[in-house]
Structure formats: C-alpha cells, structure tokens
Amino acid sequence: LPPESILLLYTDGLVESRDRPIDVGMDQLRHHAGALARRLDRWSVDDFCDELLARIAPRGDDVALLALRLPEA
C-alpha cells in the first residue's frame, strides 16, 4: 500500500441492510470514503470514521469499523 493510504476493515453491517443491497452500500462506501480521505490533512482518523459512519451506517444493525492510516514514506 502506498504511504498515507487508509486501510478500512469493517463488518457487513456497514454496507448491507434489509432495505439496502450490498452493491448500493459498497458504492456508498467507495464514494464517501474517497471524498473524506481527501480531508485527512485536516482531520484525524477518528474524525474520518465518525463522519463515514454518520453518512452511510444503516440504522438498526451492528457495525464495526477499523481504520488504519499508513505513515508518510
């Protein structure tokens, strides 16, 4: 992985729910994670995770999210 990359590990509850197919959830994850990653020069990884969860986490399901930002080269 390139320096300063973000590695996301998550459970299916982040991208899938009874009323949202997994394909839609994956598209939302890619879109929002990509947009938010551009702000990491001003945000912490915690802020990134909080905002990502606020944008896409479905209500009523458990979600686990782990984000790791690699250091600069």
PDB file of N, CA and C in Angstrom:
ATOM      1  N   LEU A   1       0.841  -1.183   0.000  1.00  0.00           N
ATOM      2  CA  LEU A   1       0.000   0.000   0.000  1.00  0.00           C
ATOM      3  C   LEU A   1       0.885   1.245   0.000  1.00  0.00           C
ATOM      4  N   PRO A   2       0.498   2.263  -0.730  1.00  0.00           N
ATOM      5  CA  PRO A   2       1.277   3.495  -0.758  1.00  0.00           C
ATOM      6  C   PRO A   2       1.266   4.208   0.599  1.00  0.00           C
ATOM      7  N   PRO A   3       2.292   5.008   0.857  1.00  0.00           N
ATOM      8  CA  PRO A   3       2.303   5.806   2.088  1.00  0.00           C
ATOM      9  C   PRO A   3       1.031   6.655   2.192  1.00  0.00           C
ATOM     10  N   GLU A   4       0.569   6.830   3.408  1.00  0.00           N
ATOM     11  CA  GLU A   4      -0.611   7.618   3.744  1.00  0.00           C
ATOM     12  C   GLU A   4      -1.918   7.018   3.237  1.00  0.00           C
ATOM     13  N   SER A   5      -1.883   5.769   2.798  1.00  0.00           N
ATOM     14  CA  SER A   5      -3.115   5.071   2.433  1.00  0.00           C
ATOM     15  C   SER A   5      -3.944   4.814   3.677  1.00  0.00           C
ATOM     16  N   ILE A   6      -5.222   4.596   3.472  1.00  0.00           N
ATOM     17  CA  ILE A   6      -6.116   4.241   4.564  1.00  0.00           C
ATOM     18  C   ILE A   6      -6.637   2.837   4.302  1.00  0.00           C
ATOM     19  N   LEU A   7      -6.471   1.981   5.273  1.00  0.00           N
ATOM     20  CA  LEU A   7      -6.984   0.623   5.201  1.00  0.00           C
ATOM     21  C   LEU A   7      -8.235   0.562   6.074  1.00  0.00           C
ATOM     22  N   LEU A   8      -9.352   0.163   5.477  1.00  0.00           N
ATOM     23  CA  LEU A   8     -10.608   0.039   6.215  1.00  0.00           C
ATOM     24  C   LEU A   8     -10.971  -1.428   6.357  1.00  0.00           C
ATOM     25  N   LEU A   9     -11.263  -1.833   7.564  1.00  0.00           N
ATOM     26  CA  LEU A   9     -11.798  -3.155   7.856  1.00  0.00           C
ATOM     27  C   LEU A   9     -13.157  -2.926   8.508  1.00  0.00           C
ATOM     28  N   TYR A  10     -14.148  -3.663   8.057  1.00  0.00           N
ATOM     29  CA  TYR A  10     -15.498  -3.399   8.547  1.00  0.00           C
ATOM     30  C   TYR A  10     -16.347  -4.659   8.449  1.00  0.00           C
ATOM     31  N   THR A  11     -17.413  -4.662   9.212  1.00  0.00           N
ATOM     32  CA  THR A  11     -18.371  -5.758   9.138  1.00  0.00           C
ATOM     33  C   THR A  11     -19.426  -5.434   8.086  1.00  0.00           C
ATOM     34  N   ASP A  12     -20.170  -6.449   7.691  1.00  0.00           N
ATOM     35  CA  ASP A  12     -21.165  -6.261   6.637  1.00  0.00           C
ATOM     36  C   ASP A  12     -22.277  -5.295   7.034  1.00  0.00           C
ATOM     37  N   GLY A  13     -22.453  -5.054   8.327  1.00  0.00           N
ATOM     38  CA  GLY A  13     -23.472  -4.108   8.766  1.00  0.00           C
ATOM     39  C   GLY A  13     -23.244  -2.696   8.263  1.00  0.00           C
ATOM     40  N   LEU A  14     -22.013  -2.382   7.863  1.00  0.00           N
ATOM     41  CA  LEU A  14     -21.728  -1.047   7.328  1.00  0.00           C
ATOM     42  C   LEU A  14     -22.270  -0.880   5.920  1.00  0.00           C
ATOM     43  N   VAL A  15     -22.295  -1.938   5.145  1.00  0.00           N
ATOM     44  CA  VAL A  15     -22.628  -1.807   3.729  1.00  0.00           C
ATOM     45  C   VAL A  15     -23.902  -2.547   3.309  1.00  0.00           C
ATOM     46  N   GLU A  16     -24.514  -3.264   4.230  1.00  0.00           N
ATOM     47  CA  GLU A  16     -25.687  -4.051   3.861  1.00  0.00           C
ATOM     48  C   GLU A  16     -26.746  -3.961   4.949  1.00  0.00           C
ATOM     49  N   SER A  17     -27.982  -3.892   4.529  1.00  0.00           N
ATOM     50  CA  SER A  17     -29.110  -3.937   5.462  1.00  0.00           C
ATOM     51  C   SER A  17     -30.303  -4.562   4.745  1.00  0.00           C
ATOM     52  N   ARG A  18     -31.374  -4.739   5.462  1.00  0.00           N
ATOM     53  CA  ARG A  18     -32.561  -5.366   4.860  1.00  0.00           C
ATOM     54  C   ARG A  18     -33.146  -4.532   3.733  1.00  0.00           C
ATOM     55  N   ASP A  19     -33.017  -3.227   3.831  1.00  0.00           N
ATOM     56  CA  ASP A  19     -33.587  -2.358   2.800  1.00  0.00           C
ATOM     57  C   ASP A  19     -32.535  -1.733   1.875  1.00  0.00           C
ATOM     58  N   ARG A  20     -31.291  -2.210   1.957  1.00  0.00           N
ATOM     59  CA  ARG A  20     -30.237  -1.698   1.081  1.00  0.00           C
ATOM     60  C   ARG A  20     -29.349  -2.852   0.636  1.00  0.00           C
ATOM     61  N   PRO A  21     -29.358  -3.144  -0.664  1.00  0.00           N
ATOM     62  CA  PRO A  21     -28.490  -4.216  -1.170  1.00  0.00           C
ATOM     63  C   PRO A  21     -27.013  -3.895  -0.942  1.00  0.00           C
ATOM     64  N   ILE A  22     -26.214  -4.940  -0.852  1.00  0.00           N
ATOM     65  CA  ILE A  22     -24.789  -4.759  -0.585  1.00  0.00           C
ATOM     66  C   ILE A  22     -24.097  -3.940  -1.678  1.00  0.00           C
ATOM     67  N   ASP A  23     -24.530  -4.077  -2.926  1.00  0.00           N
ATOM     68  CA  ASP A  23     -23.917  -3.303  -4.012  1.00  0.00           C
ATOM     69  C   ASP A  23     -24.100  -1.799  -3.808  1.00  0.00           C
ATOM     70  N   VAL A  24     -25.262  -1.415  -3.364  1.00  0.00           N
ATOM     71  CA  VAL A  24     -25.527   0.001  -3.093  1.00  0.00           C
ATOM     72  C   VAL A  24     -24.658   0.470  -1.930  1.00  0.00           C
ATOM     73  N   GLY A  25     -24.581  -0.344  -0.878  1.00  0.00           N
ATOM     74  CA  GLY A  25     -23.751   0.011   0.272  1.00  0.00           C
ATOM     75  C   GLY A  25     -22.276   0.132  -0.082  1.00  0.00           C
ATOM     76  N   MET A  26     -21.773  -0.766  -0.924  1.00  0.00           N
ATOM     77  CA  MET A  26     -20.368  -0.708  -1.350  1.00  0.00           C
ATOM     78  C   MET A  26     -20.104   0.552  -2.167  1.00  0.00           C
ATOM     79  N   ASP A  27     -21.041   0.905  -3.050  1.00  0.00           N
ATOM     80  CA  ASP A  27     -20.899   2.142  -3.832  1.00  0.00           C
ATOM     81  C   ASP A  27     -20.858   3.358  -2.914  1.00  0.00           C
ATOM     82  N   GLN A  28     -21.726   3.378  -1.912  1.00  0.00           N
ATOM     83  CA  GLN A  28     -21.736   4.496  -0.967  1.00  0.00           C
ATOM     84  C   GLN A  28     -20.429   4.545  -0.181  1.00  0.00           C
ATOM     85  N   LEU A  29     -19.939   3.397   0.234  1.00  0.00           N
ATOM     86  CA  LEU A  29     -18.673   3.355   0.968  1.00  0.00           C
ATOM     87  C   LEU A  29     -17.537   3.912   0.117  1.00  0.00           C
ATOM     88  N   ARG A  30     -17.417   3.464  -1.122  1.00  0.00           N
ATOM     89  CA  ARG A  30     -16.352   3.964  -2.003  1.00  0.00           C
ATOM     90  C   ARG A  30     -16.466   5.469  -2.206  1.00  0.00           C
ATOM     91  N   HIS A  31     -17.672   5.930  -2.461  1.00  0.00           N
ATOM     92  CA  HIS A  31     -17.881   7.366  -2.715  1.00  0.00           C
ATOM     93  C   HIS A  31     -17.513   8.209  -1.492  1.00  0.00           C
ATOM     94  N   HIS A  32     -18.092   7.890  -0.361  1.00  0.00           N
ATOM     95  CA  HIS A  32     -17.888   8.718   0.833  1.00  0.00           C
ATOM     96  C   HIS A  32     -16.487   8.562   1.422  1.00  0.00           C
ATOM     97  N   ALA A  33     -15.956   7.363   1.432  1.00  0.00           N
ATOM     98  CA  ALA A  33     -14.598   7.175   1.954  1.00  0.00           C
ATOM     99  C   ALA A  33     -13.590   7.928   1.091  1.00  0.00           C
ATOM    100  N   GLY A  34     -13.769   7.881  -0.227  1.00  0.00           N
ATOM    101  CA  GLY A  34     -12.867   8.619  -1.113  1.00  0.00           C
ATOM    102  C   GLY A  34     -12.940  10.117  -0.890  1.00  0.00           C
ATOM    103  N   ALA A  35     -14.142  10.632  -0.754  1.00  0.00           N
ATOM    104  CA  ALA A  35     -14.315  12.070  -0.522  1.00  0.00           C
ATOM    105  C   ALA A  35     -13.738  12.491   0.824  1.00  0.00           C
ATOM    106  N   LEU A  36     -13.986  11.702   1.848  1.00  0.00           N
ATOM    107  CA  LEU A  36     -13.494  12.045   3.179  1.00  0.00           C
ATOM    108  C   LEU A  36     -11.980  11.891   3.297  1.00  0.00           C
ATOM    109  N   ALA A  37     -11.409  10.952   2.567  1.00  0.00           N
ATOM    110  CA  ALA A  37      -9.955  10.736   2.636  1.00  0.00           C
ATOM    111  C   ALA A  37      -9.195  11.981   2.190  1.00  0.00           C
ATOM    112  N   ARG A  38      -9.780  12.755   1.317  1.00  0.00           N
ATOM    113  CA  ARG A  38      -9.119  13.991   0.849  1.00  0.00           C
ATOM    114  C   ARG A  38      -9.015  15.037   1.956  1.00  0.00           C
ATOM    115  N   ARG A  39      -9.768  14.861   3.032  1.00  0.00           N
ATOM    116  CA  ARG A  39      -9.765  15.815   4.151  1.00  0.00           C
ATOM    117  C   ARG A  39      -8.837  15.398   5.282  1.00  0.00           C
ATOM    118  N   LEU A  40      -8.168  14.279   5.143  1.00  0.00           N
ATOM    119  CA  LEU A  40      -7.374  13.776   6.260  1.00  0.00           C
ATOM    120  C   LEU A  40      -6.188  14.650   6.616  1.00  0.00           C
ATOM    121  N   ASP A  41      -5.817  15.578   5.752  1.00  0.00           N
ATOM    122  CA  ASP A  41      -4.756  16.500   6.146  1.00  0.00           C
ATOM    123  C   ASP A  41      -5.240  17.431   7.257  1.00  0.00           C
ATOM    124  N   ARG A  42      -6.571  17.580   7.393  1.00  0.00           N
ATOM    125  CA  ARG A  42      -7.154  18.432   8.440  1.00  0.00           C
ATOM    126  C   ARG A  42      -7.846  17.625   9.532  1.00  0.00           C
ATOM    127  N   TRP A  43      -8.119  16.361   9.266  1.00  0.00           N
ATOM    128  CA  TRP A  43      -8.890  15.527  10.186  1.00  0.00           C
ATOM    129  C   TRP A  43      -8.045  14.404  10.750  1.00  0.00           C
ATOM    130  N   SER A  44      -8.455  13.924  11.901  1.00  0.00           N
ATOM    131  CA  SER A  44      -7.846  12.711  12.450  1.00  0.00           C
ATOM    132  C   SER A  44      -8.559  11.494  11.848  1.00  0.00           C
ATOM    133  N   VAL A  45      -7.987  10.327  12.026  1.00  0.00           N
ATOM    134  CA  VAL A  45      -8.637   9.102  11.560  1.00  0.00           C
ATOM    135  C   VAL A  45      -9.945   8.881  12.330  1.00  0.00           C
ATOM    136  N   ASP A  46      -9.968   9.266  13.601  1.00  0.00           N
ATOM    137  CA  ASP A  46     -11.210   9.172  14.372  1.00  0.00           C
ATOM    138  C   ASP A  46     -12.313  10.023  13.759  1.00  0.00           C
ATOM    139  N   ASP A  47     -11.972  11.250  13.381  1.00  0.00           N
ATOM    140  CA  ASP A  47     -12.958  12.124  12.732  1.00  0.00           C
ATOM    141  C   ASP A  47     -13.445  11.514  11.421  1.00  0.00           C
ATOM    142  N   PHE A  48     -12.518  10.935  10.663  1.00  0.00           N
ATOM    143  CA  PHE A  48     -12.854  10.269   9.410  1.00  0.00           C
ATOM    144  C   PHE A  48     -13.885   9.172   9.660  1.00  0.00           C
ATOM    145  N   CYS A  49     -13.628   8.317  10.636  1.00  0.00           N
ATOM    146  CA  CYS A  49     -14.535   7.209  10.945  1.00  0.00           C
ATOM    147  C   CYS A  49     -15.895   7.712  11.413  1.00  0.00           C
ATOM    148  N   ASP A  50     -15.894   8.702  12.282  1.00  0.00           N
ATOM    149  CA  ASP A  50     -17.155   9.257  12.776  1.00  0.00           C
ATOM    150  C   ASP A  50     -17.998   9.793  11.625  1.00  0.00           C
ATOM    151  N   GLU A  51     -17.380  10.532  10.736  1.00  0.00           N
ATOM    152  CA  GLU A  51     -18.120  11.117   9.615  1.00  0.00           C
ATOM    153  C   GLU A  51     -18.580  10.042   8.632  1.00  0.00           C
ATOM    154  N   LEU A  52     -17.738   9.060   8.372  1.00  0.00           N
ATOM    155  CA  LEU A  52     -18.125   7.974   7.473  1.00  0.00           C
ATOM    156  C   LEU A  52     -19.324   7.216   8.037  1.00  0.00           C
ATOM    157  N   LEU A  53     -19.287   6.908   9.316  1.00  0.00           N
ATOM    158  CA  LEU A  53     -20.415   6.214   9.943  1.00  0.00           C
ATOM    159  C   LEU A  53     -21.680   7.060   9.898  1.00  0.00           C
ATOM    160  N   ALA A  54     -21.556   8.344  10.136  1.00  0.00           N
ATOM    161  CA  ALA A  54     -22.720   9.225  10.097  1.00  0.00           C
ATOM    162  C   ALA A  54     -23.342   9.261   8.701  1.00  0.00           C
ATOM    163  N   ARG A  55     -22.513   9.151   7.682  1.00  0.00           N
ATOM    164  CA  ARG A  55     -23.014   9.234   6.307  1.00  0.00           C
ATOM    165  C   ARG A  55     -23.636   7.946   5.799  1.00  0.00           C
ATOM    166  N   ILE A  56     -23.084   6.796   6.168  1.00  0.00           N
ATOM    167  CA  ILE A  56     -23.549   5.580   5.490  1.00  0.00           C
ATOM    168  C   ILE A  56     -24.022   4.451   6.383  1.00  0.00           C
ATOM    169  N   ALA A  57     -23.770   4.480   7.663  1.00  0.00           N
ATOM    170  CA  ALA A  57     -24.141   3.336   8.510  1.00  0.00           C
ATOM    171  C   ALA A  57     -25.660   3.223   8.589  1.00  0.00           C
ATOM    172  N   PRO A  58     -26.188   2.060   8.228  1.00  0.00           N
ATOM    173  CA  PRO A  58     -27.633   1.878   8.336  1.00  0.00           C
ATOM    174  C   PRO A  58     -28.061   1.802   9.795  1.00  0.00           C
ATOM    175  N   ARG A  59     -29.250   2.241  10.058  1.00  0.00           N
ATOM    176  CA  ARG A  59     -29.783   2.183  11.414  1.00  0.00           C
ATOM    177  C   ARG A  59     -30.286   0.767  11.693  1.00  0.00           C
ATOM    178  N   GLY A  60     -30.137   0.334  12.898  1.00  0.00           N
ATOM    179  CA  GLY A  60     -30.705  -0.939  13.297  1.00  0.00           C
ATOM    180  C   GLY A  60     -29.813  -2.151  13.100  1.00  0.00           C
ATOM    181  N   ASP A  61     -28.569  -1.953  12.727  1.00  0.00           N
ATOM    182  CA  ASP A  61     -27.656  -3.084  12.582  1.00  0.00           C
ATOM    183  C   ASP A  61     -26.366  -2.744  13.306  1.00  0.00           C
ATOM    184  N   ASP A  62     -25.685  -3.769  13.780  1.00  0.00           N
ATOM    185  CA  ASP A  62     -24.408  -3.529  14.429  1.00  0.00           C
ATOM    186  C   ASP A  62     -23.328  -3.338  13.361  1.00  0.00           C
ATOM    187  N   VAL A  63     -22.385  -2.466  13.667  1.00  0.00           N
ATOM    188  CA  VAL A  63     -21.319  -2.129  12.723  1.00  0.00           C
ATOM    189  C   VAL A  63     -20.002  -2.059  13.478  1.00  0.00           C
ATOM    190  N   ALA A  64     -18.985  -2.652  12.909  1.00  0.00           N
ATOM    191  CA  ALA A  64     -17.621  -2.500  13.410  1.00  0.00           C
ATOM    192  C   ALA A  64     -16.792  -1.901  12.282  1.00  0.00           C
ATOM    193  N   LEU A  65     -15.993  -0.900  12.613  1.00  0.00           N
ATOM    194  CA  LEU A  65     -15.154  -0.225  11.625  1.00  0.00           C
ATOM    195  C   LEU A  65     -13.789   0.026  12.244  1.00  0.00           C
ATOM    196  N   LEU A  66     -12.765  -0.379  11.540  1.00  0.00           N
ATOM    197  CA  LEU A  66     -11.391  -0.142  11.950  1.00  0.00           C
ATOM    198  C   LEU A  66     -10.676   0.529  10.794  1.00  0.00           C
ATOM    199  N   ALA A  67     -10.043   1.652  11.057  1.00  0.00           N
ATOM    200  CA  ALA A  67      -9.315   2.366  10.011  1.00  0.00           C
ATOM    201  C   ALA A  67      -7.871   2.543  10.456  1.00  0.00           C
ATOM    202  N   LEU A  68      -6.978   2.296   9.529  1.00  0.00           N
ATOM    203  CA  LEU A  68      -5.551   2.453   9.771  1.00  0.00           C
ATOM    204  C   LEU A  68      -4.986   3.338   8.677  1.00  0.00           C
ATOM    205  N   ARG A  69      -4.335   4.418   9.086  1.00  0.00           N
ATOM    206  CA  ARG A  69      -3.678   5.289   8.110  1.00  0.00           C
ATOM    207  C   ARG A  69      -2.183   5.017   8.165  1.00  0.00           C
ATOM    208  N   LEU A  70      -1.629   4.660   7.035  1.00  0.00           N
ATOM    209  CA  LEU A  70      -0.199   4.364   6.972  1.00  0.00           C
ATOM    210  C   LEU A  70       0.603   5.656   7.080  1.00  0.00           C
ATOM    211  N   PRO A  71       1.781   5.585   7.661  1.00  0.00           N
ATOM    212  CA  PRO A  71       2.604   6.791   7.817  1.00  0.00           C
ATOM    213  C   PRO A  71       3.175   7.258   6.473  1.00  0.00           C
ATOM    214  N   GLU A  72       3.686   8.480   6.497  1.00  0.00           N
ATOM    215  CA  GLU A  72       4.371   9.015   5.328  1.00  0.00           C
ATOM    216  C   GLU A  72       5.613   8.188   5.045  1.00  0.00           C
ATOM    217  N   ALA A  73       6.078   8.251   3.832  1.00  0.00           N
ATOM    218  CA  ALA A  73       7.281   7.486   3.451  1.00  0.00           C
ATOM    219  C   ALA A  73       8.511   8.033   4.147  1.00  0.00           C
TER     220      ALA A  73
END
